[in-house]
Amino acid sequence: HYRTVKARADNDWALAASDLAAAMEADVQAGLTPFFVMATIGTTSSCAVDPVADIAAVAGAHRAWVHVDGAYAGAAAVVPEVRARWFGGLEAVDSYSFNPHKWLLTNFDCCAMWAADAGPIKEAVSLTPVYLQNTGNALDYKDWQVPLGRRFRSLKLFFVLRLYGAEKLRQYVSHHMALASHFAAHVAADPRFELAAPPRFGLVCFRLAGAPRAANEALLAAINASREQFLVHTELGGVYTLRLAVGSVWVQREHVDAAWAAVCAAADSVLAAQPAAGGNGKH
């Protein structure tokens, strides 16, 4: 049995600890035992950041394991001020992971994971035959997974860290975040558009303000038809939303400005074809 606790627009699409508490209490009243909670730093749709410390406190009352997924946004923790703002509370969780291959210049695939206590993980997945039960295997990462063998994924991450160093990686991530903020400023300054979620990390969620779903669908199709930019969409609260992610190794401000120019040109075409009455954006 698992439960999805829905995020809300009035909480910037982050999981509210009060909603989690209510859901866990309802499970207890139904005779269930909550044992695992997953929070997210940088959700896929909108890069929302869950209140990790508050969630850990709620889960702790039920002695539930708390895992935090920082798959994409976790790379931003290399920037001290970003880490201080968005990554608080990790000291209270049981495990945390992020994917260096998503935003930290590392080839696919590479996932980094930390565990406050690896014992329960090894008890759950370790399959150790008698011929491997010796002191030489006391710290063996095969016990953190079901398969016996594992790839040497950490080697490529090691070389990235040695090649770039902490400061260059900070500059790289900060550069992308600044470009995303630059694009978001374009969106905020144009009355035809609205930001669908607060811009975070390298992601900007936006759409035509007050336009029907079909208009935003047509906008996305027109932008991607040029093959100069590629955007994808999501739905936030059931409303069709476009997503621009800044993450290319070589991207510069002129590329972001060109993307905005393409969005504006596509919007001119789409809006000219719309009925004068428009819509409410909820379709």
C-alpha atoms as a PDB file:
ATOM      1  CA  HIS A   1       0.000   0.000   0.000  1.00  0.00           C
ATOM      2  CA  TYR A   2       1.306   3.444  -0.836  1.00  0.00           C
ATOM      3  CA  ARG A   3      -0.153   6.903  -0.611  1.00  0.00           C
ATOM      4  CA  THR A   4       0.475   9.976  -2.750  1.00  0.00           C
ATOM      5  CA  VAL A   5       0.050  13.240  -0.876  1.00  0.00           C
ATOM      6  CA  LYS A   6      -0.795  15.944  -3.400  1.00  0.00           C
ATOM      7  CA  ALA A   7       1.084  19.230  -3.482  1.00  0.00           C
ATOM      8  CA  ARG A   8      -0.775  22.522  -3.706  1.00  0.00           C
ATOM      9  CA  ALA A   9      -0.298  25.768  -5.600  1.00  0.00           C
ATOM     10  CA  ASP A  10      -0.644  27.787  -2.390  1.00  0.00           C
ATOM     11  CA  ASN A  11       2.430  25.962  -1.101  1.00  0.00           C
ATOM     12  CA  ASP A  12       4.419  26.511  -4.316  1.00  0.00           C
ATOM     13  CA  TRP A  13       3.831  22.843  -5.240  1.00  0.00           C
ATOM     14  CA  ALA A  14       5.853  21.567  -2.281  1.00  0.00           C
ATOM     15  CA  LEU A  15       4.571  18.870   0.048  1.00  0.00           C
ATOM     16  CA  ALA A  16       2.994  20.437   3.129  1.00  0.00           C
ATOM     17  CA  ALA A  17       4.071  18.767   6.365  1.00  0.00           C
ATOM     18  CA  SER A  18       0.556  19.234   7.751  1.00  0.00           C
ATOM     19  CA  ASP A  19      -0.898  17.288   4.815  1.00  0.00           C
ATOM     20  CA  LEU A  20       1.629  14.515   5.380  1.00  0.00           C
ATOM     21  CA  ALA A  21       0.777  14.385   9.068  1.00  0.00           C
ATOM     22  CA  ALA A  22      -2.927  14.082   8.294  1.00  0.00           C
ATOM     23  CA  ALA A  23      -2.301  11.311   5.745  1.00  0.00           C
ATOM     24  CA  MET A  24      -0.096   9.315   8.116  1.00  0.00           C
ATOM     25  CA  GLU A  25      -2.590   9.654  10.952  1.00  0.00           C
ATOM     26  CA  ALA A  26      -5.378   8.495   8.637  1.00  0.00           C
ATOM     27  CA  ASP A  27      -3.321   5.427   7.776  1.00  0.00           C
ATOM     28  CA  VAL A  28      -2.787   4.653  11.443  1.00  0.00           C
ATOM     29  CA  GLN A  29      -6.508   4.976  12.111  1.00  0.00           C
ATOM     30  CA  ALA A  30      -7.108   2.560   9.217  1.00  0.00           C
ATOM     31  CA  GLY A  31      -4.889  -0.022  10.885  1.00  0.00           C
ATOM     32  CA  LEU A  32      -1.835   0.596   8.678  1.00  0.00           C
ATOM     33  CA  THR A  33       1.743   1.208   9.793  1.00  0.00           C
ATOM     34  CA  PRO A  34       3.533   4.063   7.977  1.00  0.00           C
ATOM     35  CA  PHE A  35       7.164   3.054   7.480  1.00  0.00           C
ATOM     36  CA  PHE A  36       8.576   5.107   4.571  1.00  0.00           C
ATOM     37  CA  VAL A  37       8.296   8.743   3.472  1.00  0.00           C
ATOM     38  CA  MET A  38       9.984  10.269   0.452  1.00  0.00           C
ATOM     39  CA  ALA A  39      10.525  14.010   0.157  1.00  0.00           C
ATOM     40  CA  THR A  40      12.009  15.828  -2.818  1.00  0.00           C
ATOM     41  CA  ILE A  41      14.414  18.690  -3.352  1.00  0.00           C
ATOM     42  CA  GLY A  42      13.622  19.825  -6.890  1.00  0.00           C
ATOM     43  CA  THR A  43      10.531  17.970  -8.103  1.00  0.00           C
ATOM     44  CA  THR A  44      10.452  17.016 -11.766  1.00  0.00           C
ATOM     45  CA  SER A  45       7.455  19.121 -12.801  1.00  0.00           C
ATOM     46  CA  SER A  46       8.235  22.402 -11.074  1.00  0.00           C
ATOM     47  CA  CYS A  47      11.477  22.022  -9.072  1.00  0.00           C
ATOM     48  CA  ALA A  48       9.525  22.466  -5.855  1.00  0.00           C
ATOM     49  CA  VAL A  49      11.447  21.961  -2.626  1.00  0.00           C
ATOM     50  CA  ASP A  50       9.752  20.045   0.157  1.00  0.00           C
ATOM     51  CA  PRO A  51      10.294  21.241   3.767  1.00  0.00           C
ATOM     52  CA  VAL A  52      12.654  18.430   4.650  1.00  0.00           C
ATOM     53  CA  ALA A  53      13.112  19.234   8.339  1.00  0.00           C
ATOM     54  CA  ASP A  54       9.360  19.484   8.948  1.00  0.00           C
ATOM     55  CA  ILE A  55       8.681  16.281   7.017  1.00  0.00           C
ATOM     56  CA  ALA A  56      11.383  14.448   8.981  1.00  0.00           C
ATOM     57  CA  ALA A  57       9.757  15.567  12.221  1.00  0.00           C
ATOM     58  CA  VAL A  58       6.337  14.290  11.117  1.00  0.00           C
ATOM     59  CA  ALA A  59       7.746  10.964   9.923  1.00  0.00           C
ATOM     60  CA  GLY A  60       9.857  10.613  13.053  1.00  0.00           C
ATOM     61  CA  ALA A  61       6.723  10.528  15.195  1.00  0.00           C
ATOM     62  CA  HIS A  62       5.856   7.285  13.382  1.00  0.00           C
ATOM     63  CA  ARG A  63       9.448   6.000  13.264  1.00  0.00           C
ATOM     64  CA  ALA A  64       9.214   5.987   9.463  1.00  0.00           C
ATOM     65  CA  TRP A  65      12.282   5.964   7.231  1.00  0.00           C
ATOM     66  CA  VAL A  66      12.731   9.302   5.434  1.00  0.00           C
ATOM     67  CA  HIS A  67      14.418   9.381   2.045  1.00  0.00           C
ATOM     68  CA  VAL A  68      15.106  12.612   0.166  1.00  0.00           C
ATOM     69  CA  ASP A  69      15.339  12.573  -3.631  1.00  0.00           C
ATOM     70  CA  GLY A  70      17.506  15.349  -5.045  1.00  0.00           C
ATOM     71  CA  ALA A  71      17.921  13.659  -8.428  1.00  0.00           C
ATOM     72  CA  TYR A  72      18.375  16.793 -10.554  1.00  0.00           C
ATOM     73  CA  ALA A  73      18.638  19.685  -8.113  1.00  0.00           C
ATOM     74  CA  GLY A  74      21.077  17.925  -5.799  1.00  0.00           C
ATOM     75  CA  ALA A  75      23.992  19.131  -7.909  1.00  0.00           C
ATOM     76  CA  ALA A  76      23.182  22.703  -6.874  1.00  0.00           C
ATOM     77  CA  ALA A  77      24.297  21.877  -3.331  1.00  0.00           C
ATOM     78  CA  VAL A  78      27.880  22.497  -4.486  1.00  0.00           C
ATOM     79  CA  VAL A  79      27.029  26.214  -4.238  1.00  0.00           C
ATOM     80  CA  PRO A  80      27.199  27.154  -0.538  1.00  0.00           C
ATOM     81  CA  GLU A  81      24.456  29.791  -0.592  1.00  0.00           C
ATOM     82  CA  VAL A  82      22.128  27.470  -2.505  1.00  0.00           C
ATOM     83  CA  ARG A  83      22.861  24.639  -0.094  1.00  0.00           C
ATOM     84  CA  ALA A  84      22.070  26.909   2.859  1.00  0.00           C
ATOM     85  CA  ARG A  85      18.770  28.027   1.306  1.00  0.00           C
ATOM     86  CA  TRP A  86      17.302  24.809  -0.101  1.00  0.00           C
ATOM     87  CA  PHE A  87      19.045  21.845   1.496  1.00  0.00           C
ATOM     88  CA  GLY A  88      18.336  22.320   5.186  1.00  0.00           C
ATOM     89  CA  GLY A  89      17.131  19.387   7.242  1.00  0.00           C
ATOM     90  CA  LEU A  90      19.126  16.647   5.540  1.00  0.00           C
ATOM     91  CA  GLU A  91      20.846  15.884   8.821  1.00  0.00           C
ATOM     92  CA  ALA A  92      17.484  14.614  10.104  1.00  0.00           C
ATOM     93  CA  VAL A  93      16.745  12.105   7.321  1.00  0.00           C
ATOM     94  CA  ASP A  94      17.712   8.463   6.878  1.00  0.00           C
ATOM     95  CA  SER A  95      18.923   8.583   3.284  1.00  0.00           C
ATOM     96  CA  TYR A  96      19.532  11.051   0.477  1.00  0.00           C
ATOM     97  CA  SER A  97      20.417  10.652  -3.183  1.00  0.00           C
ATOM     98  CA  PHE A  98      21.042  12.694  -6.308  1.00  0.00           C
ATOM     99  CA  ASN A  99      22.242  12.026  -9.853  1.00  0.00           C
ATOM    100  CA  PRO A 100      25.527  13.689 -10.898  1.00  0.00           C
ATOM    101  CA  HIS A 101      24.740  12.685 -14.490  1.00  0.00           C
ATOM    102  CA  LYS A 102      21.819  15.122 -14.557  1.00  0.00           C
ATOM    103  CA  TRP A 103      23.598  18.401 -13.820  1.00  0.00           C
ATOM    104  CA  LEU A 104      27.154  17.767 -12.730  1.00  0.00           C
ATOM    105  CA  LEU A 105      28.984  17.011 -15.983  1.00  0.00           C
ATOM    106  CA  THR A 106      29.083  13.258 -15.374  1.00  0.00           C
ATOM    107  CA  ASN A 107      28.230  10.698 -18.039  1.00  0.00           C
ATOM    108  CA  PHE A 108      25.104   8.588 -17.572  1.00  0.00           C
ATOM    109  CA  ASP A 109      24.527   6.816 -15.283  1.00  0.00           C
ATOM    110  CA  CYS A 110      25.746   7.877 -11.874  1.00  0.00           C
ATOM    111  CA  CYS A 111      23.731   8.140  -8.670  1.00  0.00           C
ATOM    112  CA  ALA A 112      25.232   9.199  -5.340  1.00  0.00           C
ATOM    113  CA  MET A 113      23.504   8.035  -2.160  1.00  0.00           C
ATOM    114  CA  TRP A 114      24.090   8.637   1.518  1.00  0.00           C
ATOM    115  CA  ALA A 115      22.602   6.712   4.431  1.00  0.00           C
ATOM    116  CA  ALA A 116      22.675   7.712   8.073  1.00  0.00           C
ATOM    117  CA  ASP A 117      22.692   4.018   8.979  1.00  0.00           C
ATOM    118  CA  ALA A 118      23.342   1.495   6.231  1.00  0.00           C
ATOM    119  CA  GLY A 119      22.420  -1.422   8.446  1.00  0.00           C
ATOM    120  CA  PRO A 120      18.713  -1.622   7.534  1.00  0.00           C
ATOM    121  CA  ILE A 121      19.545  -1.331   3.821  1.00  0.00           C
ATOM    122  CA  LYS A 122      21.953  -4.262   3.998  1.00  0.00           C
ATOM    123  CA  GLU A 123      19.507  -6.323   6.024  1.00  0.00           C
ATOM    124  CA  ALA A 124      16.837  -5.749   3.383  1.00  0.00           C
ATOM    125  CA  VAL A 125      18.768  -6.462   0.172  1.00  0.00           C
ATOM    126  CA  SER A 126      21.957  -8.339   1.042  1.00  0.00           C
ATOM    127  CA  LEU A 127      22.208 -11.881  -0.309  1.00  0.00           C
ATOM    128  CA  THR A 128      25.498 -13.143   1.088  1.00  0.00           C
ATOM    129  CA  PRO A 129      26.295 -16.859   0.653  1.00  0.00           C
ATOM    130  CA  VAL A 130      28.518 -18.525   3.203  1.00  0.00           C
ATOM    131  CA  TYR A 131      31.632 -18.379   0.995  1.00  0.00           C
ATOM    132  CA  LEU A 132      31.491 -14.537   1.061  1.00  0.00           C
ATOM    133  CA  GLN A 133      31.031 -14.278   4.825  1.00  0.00           C
ATOM    134  CA  ASN A 134      34.522 -13.255   5.898  1.00  0.00           C
ATOM    135  CA  THR A 135      36.133 -10.190   7.436  1.00  0.00           C
ATOM    136  CA  GLY A 136      37.527  -9.057   4.097  1.00  0.00           C
ATOM    137  CA  ASN A 137      33.985  -8.340   2.953  1.00  0.00           C
ATOM    138  CA  ALA A 138      32.991  -6.316   6.020  1.00  0.00           C
ATOM    139  CA  LEU A 139      32.457  -3.201   3.870  1.00  0.00           C
ATOM    140  CA  ASP A 140      31.175  -4.511   0.571  1.00  0.00           C
ATOM    141  CA  TYR A 141      28.790  -2.398  -1.474  1.00  0.00           C
ATOM    142  CA  LYS A 142      27.289  -5.491  -3.040  1.00  0.00           C
ATOM    143  CA  ASP A 143      25.354  -5.653   0.222  1.00  0.00           C
ATOM    144  CA  TRP A 144      23.623  -2.383  -0.669  1.00  0.00           C
ATOM    145  CA  GLN A 145      21.913  -3.978  -3.667  1.00  0.00           C
ATOM    146  CA  VAL A 146      20.482  -7.277  -4.887  1.00  0.00           C
ATOM    147  CA  PRO A 147      23.043  -8.114  -7.662  1.00  0.00           C
ATOM    148  CA  LEU A 148      26.440  -9.421  -6.613  1.00  0.00           C
ATOM    149  CA  GLY A 149      28.411  -7.341  -9.118  1.00  0.00           C
ATOM    150  CA  ARG A 150      28.355  -3.576  -9.622  1.00  0.00           C
ATOM    151  CA  ARG A 151      29.849  -1.099 -12.059  1.00  0.00           C
ATOM    152  CA  PHE A 152      32.604   1.316 -11.027  1.00  0.00           C
ATOM    153  CA  ARG A 153      30.401   4.388 -11.471  1.00  0.00           C
ATOM    154  CA  SER A 154      32.255   6.451  -8.904  1.00  0.00           C
ATOM    155  CA  LEU A 155      35.383   6.509 -11.067  1.00  0.00           C
ATOM    156  CA  LYS A 156      33.903   8.860 -13.659  1.00  0.00           C
ATOM    157  CA  LEU A 157      32.609  11.149 -10.921  1.00  0.00           C
ATOM    158  CA  PHE A 158      36.058  11.133  -9.338  1.00  0.00           C
ATOM    159  CA  PHE A 159      37.590  12.360 -12.589  1.00  0.00           C
ATOM    160  CA  VAL A 160      34.984  15.115 -12.954  1.00  0.00           C
ATOM    161  CA  LEU A 161      35.765  16.351  -9.449  1.00  0.00           C
ATOM    162  CA  ARG A 162      39.508  16.248 -10.097  1.00  0.00           C
ATOM    163  CA  LEU A 163      39.258  17.888 -13.508  1.00  0.00           C
ATOM    164  CA  TYR A 164      36.953  20.786 -12.602  1.00  0.00           C
ATOM    165  CA  GLY A 165      37.370  21.213  -8.872  1.00  0.00           C
ATOM    166  CA  ALA A 166      34.792  22.608  -6.487  1.00  0.00           C
ATOM    167  CA  GLU A 167      35.029  26.232  -7.634  1.00  0.00           C
ATOM    168  CA  LYS A 168      34.545  25.486 -11.336  1.00  0.00           C
ATOM    169  CA  LEU A 169      31.557  23.252 -10.572  1.00  0.00           C
ATOM    170  CA  ARG A 170      30.053  26.033  -8.476  1.00  0.00           C
ATOM    171  CA  GLN A 171      30.529  28.485 -11.328  1.00  0.00           C
ATOM    172  CA  TYR A 172      28.960  26.046 -13.784  1.00  0.00           C
ATOM    173  CA  VAL A 173      25.805  25.504 -11.728  1.00  0.00           C
ATOM    174  CA  SER A 174      25.516  29.173 -10.750  1.00  0.00           C
ATOM    175  CA  HIS A 175      25.792  30.179 -14.405  1.00  0.00           C
ATOM    176  CA  HIS A 176      22.823  27.990 -15.322  1.00  0.00           C
ATOM    177  CA  MET A 177      20.766  29.302 -12.431  1.00  0.00           C
ATOM    178  CA  ALA A 178      21.490  32.894 -13.455  1.00  0.00           C
ATOM    179  CA  LEU A 179      20.414  32.145 -17.040  1.00  0.00           C
ATOM    180  CA  ALA A 180      17.176  30.580 -15.816  1.00  0.00           C
ATOM    181  CA  SER A 181      16.490  33.690 -13.728  1.00  0.00           C
ATOM    182  CA  HIS A 182      17.178  35.807 -16.809  1.00  0.00           C
ATOM    183  CA  PHE A 183      14.595  33.873 -18.808  1.00  0.00           C
ATOM    184  CA  ALA A 184      12.102  34.099 -15.947  1.00  0.00           C
ATOM    185  CA  ALA A 185      12.544  37.874 -15.914  1.00  0.00           C
ATOM    186  CA  HIS A 186      11.553  37.958 -19.594  1.00  0.00           C
ATOM    187  CA  VAL A 187       8.422  35.960 -18.800  1.00  0.00           C
ATOM    188  CA  ALA A 188       7.476  38.150 -15.831  1.00  0.00           C
ATOM    189  CA  ALA A 189       7.868  41.326 -17.889  1.00  0.00           C
ATOM    190  CA  ASP A 190       5.540  40.200 -20.699  1.00  0.00           C
ATOM    191  CA  PRO A 191       1.828  40.521 -19.803  1.00  0.00           C
ATOM    192  CA  ARG A 192       0.924  37.759 -22.256  1.00  0.00           C
ATOM    193  CA  PHE A 193       2.643  35.200 -20.025  1.00  0.00           C
ATOM    194  CA  GLU A 194       2.654  34.073 -16.427  1.00  0.00           C
ATOM    195  CA  LEU A 195       5.048  32.096 -14.290  1.00  0.00           C
ATOM    196  CA  ALA A 196       3.308  28.887 -13.219  1.00  0.00           C
ATOM    197  CA  ALA A 197       5.712  28.237 -10.337  1.00  0.00           C
ATOM    198  CA  PRO A 198       8.565  30.113  -8.676  1.00  0.00           C
ATOM    199  CA  PRO A 199      11.708  29.698 -10.825  1.00  0.00           C
ATOM    200  CA  ARG A 200      14.166  27.442  -9.047  1.00  0.00           C
ATOM    201  CA  PHE A 201      17.567  26.054  -9.947  1.00  0.00           C
ATOM    202  CA  GLY A 202      17.673  25.855 -13.773  1.00  0.00           C
ATOM    203  CA  LEU A 203      13.934  25.417 -14.440  1.00  0.00           C
ATOM    204  CA  VAL A 204      11.301  27.954 -15.478  1.00  0.00           C
ATOM    205  CA  CYS A 205       7.631  26.946 -15.677  1.00  0.00           C
ATOM    206  CA  PHE A 206       5.463  29.341 -17.677  1.00  0.00           C
ATOM    207  CA  ARG A 207       2.408  29.579 -19.922  1.00  0.00           C
ATOM    208  CA  LEU A 208       0.187  31.987 -21.791  1.00  0.00           C
ATOM    209  CA  ALA A 209      -1.850  33.810 -19.152  1.00  0.00           C
ATOM    210  CA  GLY A 210      -5.587  33.203 -19.289  1.00  0.00           C
ATOM    211  CA  ALA A 211      -5.323  31.189 -22.491  1.00  0.00           C
ATOM    212  CA  PRO A 212      -7.076  27.862 -23.111  1.00  0.00           C
ATOM    213  CA  ARG A 213      -5.133  24.626 -23.014  1.00  0.00           C
ATOM    214  CA  ALA A 214      -5.162  24.375 -26.806  1.00  0.00           C
ATOM    215  CA  ALA A 215      -3.303  27.684 -27.096  1.00  0.00           C
ATOM    216  CA  ASN A 216      -0.477  26.542 -24.829  1.00  0.00           C
ATOM    217  CA  GLU A 217      -0.340  23.207 -26.619  1.00  0.00           C
ATOM    218  CA  ALA A 218      -0.045  25.068 -29.931  1.00  0.00           C
ATOM    219  CA  LEU A 219       2.644  27.313 -28.465  1.00  0.00           C
ATOM    220  CA  LEU A 220       4.776  24.356 -27.435  1.00  0.00           C
ATOM    221  CA  ALA A 221       4.326  22.699 -30.831  1.00  0.00           C
ATOM    222  CA  ALA A 222       5.329  25.879 -32.656  1.00  0.00           C
ATOM    223  CA  ILE A 223       8.441  26.380 -30.525  1.00  0.00           C
ATOM    224  CA  ASN A 224       9.631  22.807 -31.005  1.00  0.00           C
ATOM    225  CA  ALA A 225       8.845  22.792 -34.728  1.00  0.00           C
ATOM    226  CA  SER A 226      11.809  25.106 -35.327  1.00  0.00           C
ATOM    227  CA  ARG A 227      14.202  22.457 -33.967  1.00  0.00           C
ATOM    228  CA  GLU A 228      16.276  25.294 -32.535  1.00  0.00           C
ATOM    229  CA  GLN A 229      14.837  24.880 -29.041  1.00  0.00           C
ATOM    230  CA  PHE A 230      13.182  21.944 -27.365  1.00  0.00           C
ATOM    231  CA  LEU A 231      10.765  22.398 -24.469  1.00  0.00           C
ATOM    232  CA  VAL A 232       8.509  19.911 -22.728  1.00  0.00           C
ATOM    233  CA  HIS A 233       5.312  20.436 -20.790  1.00  0.00           C
ATOM    234  CA  THR A 234       3.782  19.370 -17.522  1.00  0.00           C
ATOM    235  CA  GLU A 235       0.518  19.975 -15.702  1.00  0.00           C
ATOM    236  CA  LEU A 236       0.399  21.926 -12.462  1.00  0.00           C
ATOM    237  CA  GLY A 237      -2.959  21.681 -10.784  1.00  0.00           C
ATOM    238  CA  GLY A 238      -4.331  20.263 -14.023  1.00  0.00           C
ATOM    239  CA  VAL A 239      -3.209  23.304 -16.020  1.00  0.00           C
ATOM    240  CA  TYR A 240      -0.998  22.822 -19.081  1.00  0.00           C
ATOM    241  CA  THR A 241       2.405  24.382 -18.440  1.00  0.00           C
ATOM    242  CA  LEU A 242       5.583  24.780 -20.494  1.00  0.00           C
ATOM    243  CA  ARG A 243       9.001  24.067 -18.981  1.00  0.00           C
ATOM    244  CA  LEU A 244      12.328  25.561 -20.007  1.00  0.00           C
ATOM    245  CA  ALA A 245      15.364  23.941 -18.401  1.00  0.00           C
ATOM    246  CA  VAL A 246      18.820  25.482 -18.658  1.00  0.00           C
ATOM    247  CA  GLY A 247      21.379  22.710 -18.480  1.00  0.00           C
ATOM    248  CA  SER A 248      23.482  22.477 -21.633  1.00  0.00           C
ATOM    249  CA  VAL A 249      27.223  22.504 -21.082  1.00  0.00           C
ATOM    250  CA  TRP A 250      27.805  25.353 -23.544  1.00  0.00           C
ATOM    251  CA  VAL A 251      24.675  27.469 -23.064  1.00  0.00           C
ATOM    252  CA  GLN A 252      25.167  31.232 -22.791  1.00  0.00           C
ATOM    253  CA  ARG A 253      22.952  34.280 -22.350  1.00  0.00           C
ATOM    254  CA  GLU A 254      22.539  34.765 -26.096  1.00  0.00           C
ATOM    255  CA  HIS A 255      21.074  31.265 -26.363  1.00  0.00           C
ATOM    256  CA  VAL A 256      18.523  32.020 -23.653  1.00  0.00           C
ATOM    257  CA  ASP A 257      17.627  35.309 -25.358  1.00  0.00           C
ATOM    258  CA  ALA A 258      17.211  33.442 -28.638  1.00  0.00           C
ATOM    259  CA  ALA A 259      14.919  30.963 -26.894  1.00  0.00           C
ATOM    260  CA  TRP A 260      12.812  33.807 -25.528  1.00  0.00           C
ATOM    261  CA  ALA A 261      12.637  35.401 -28.988  1.00  0.00           C
ATOM    262  CA  ALA A 262      11.414  32.071 -30.374  1.00  0.00           C
ATOM    263  CA  VAL A 263       8.773  31.831 -27.618  1.00  0.00           C
ATOM    264  CA  CYS A 264       7.572  35.352 -28.395  1.00  0.00           C
ATOM    265  CA  ALA A 265       7.426  34.714 -32.138  1.00  0.00           C
ATOM    266  CA  ALA A 266       5.461  31.519 -31.597  1.00  0.00           C
ATOM    267  CA  ALA A 267       3.133  33.312 -29.174  1.00  0.00           C
ATOM    268  CA  ASP A 268       2.438  36.044 -31.745  1.00  0.00           C
ATOM    269  CA  SER A 269       1.345  33.406 -34.231  1.00  0.00           C
ATOM    270  CA  VAL A 270      -0.704  31.362 -31.768  1.00  0.00           C
ATOM    271  CA  LEU A 271      -2.507  34.318 -30.201  1.00  0.00           C
ATOM    272  CA  ALA A 272      -3.353  35.790 -33.602  1.00  0.00           C
ATOM    273  CA  ALA A 273      -5.194  32.574 -34.411  1.00  0.00           C
ATOM    274  CA  GLN A 274      -7.151  32.474 -31.135  1.00  0.00           C
ATOM    275  CA  PRO A 275     -10.785  33.652 -30.809  1.00  0.00           C
ATOM    276  CA  ALA A 276     -10.989  37.108 -29.308  1.00  0.00           C
ATOM    277  CA  ALA A 277     -12.748  35.877 -26.162  1.00  0.00           C
ATOM    278  CA  GLY A 278      -9.845  33.643 -25.121  1.00  0.00           C
ATOM    279  CA  GLY A 279     -10.278  31.229 -22.223  1.00  0.00           C
ATOM    280  CA  ASN A 280      -9.556  30.728 -18.564  1.00  0.00           C
ATOM    281  CA  GLY A 281      -6.443  28.532 -18.862  1.00  0.00           C
ATOM    282  CA  LYS A 282      -8.103  25.649 -16.984  1.00  0.00           C
ATOM    283  CA  HIS A 283      -8.741  23.397 -19.987  1.00  0.00           C
END
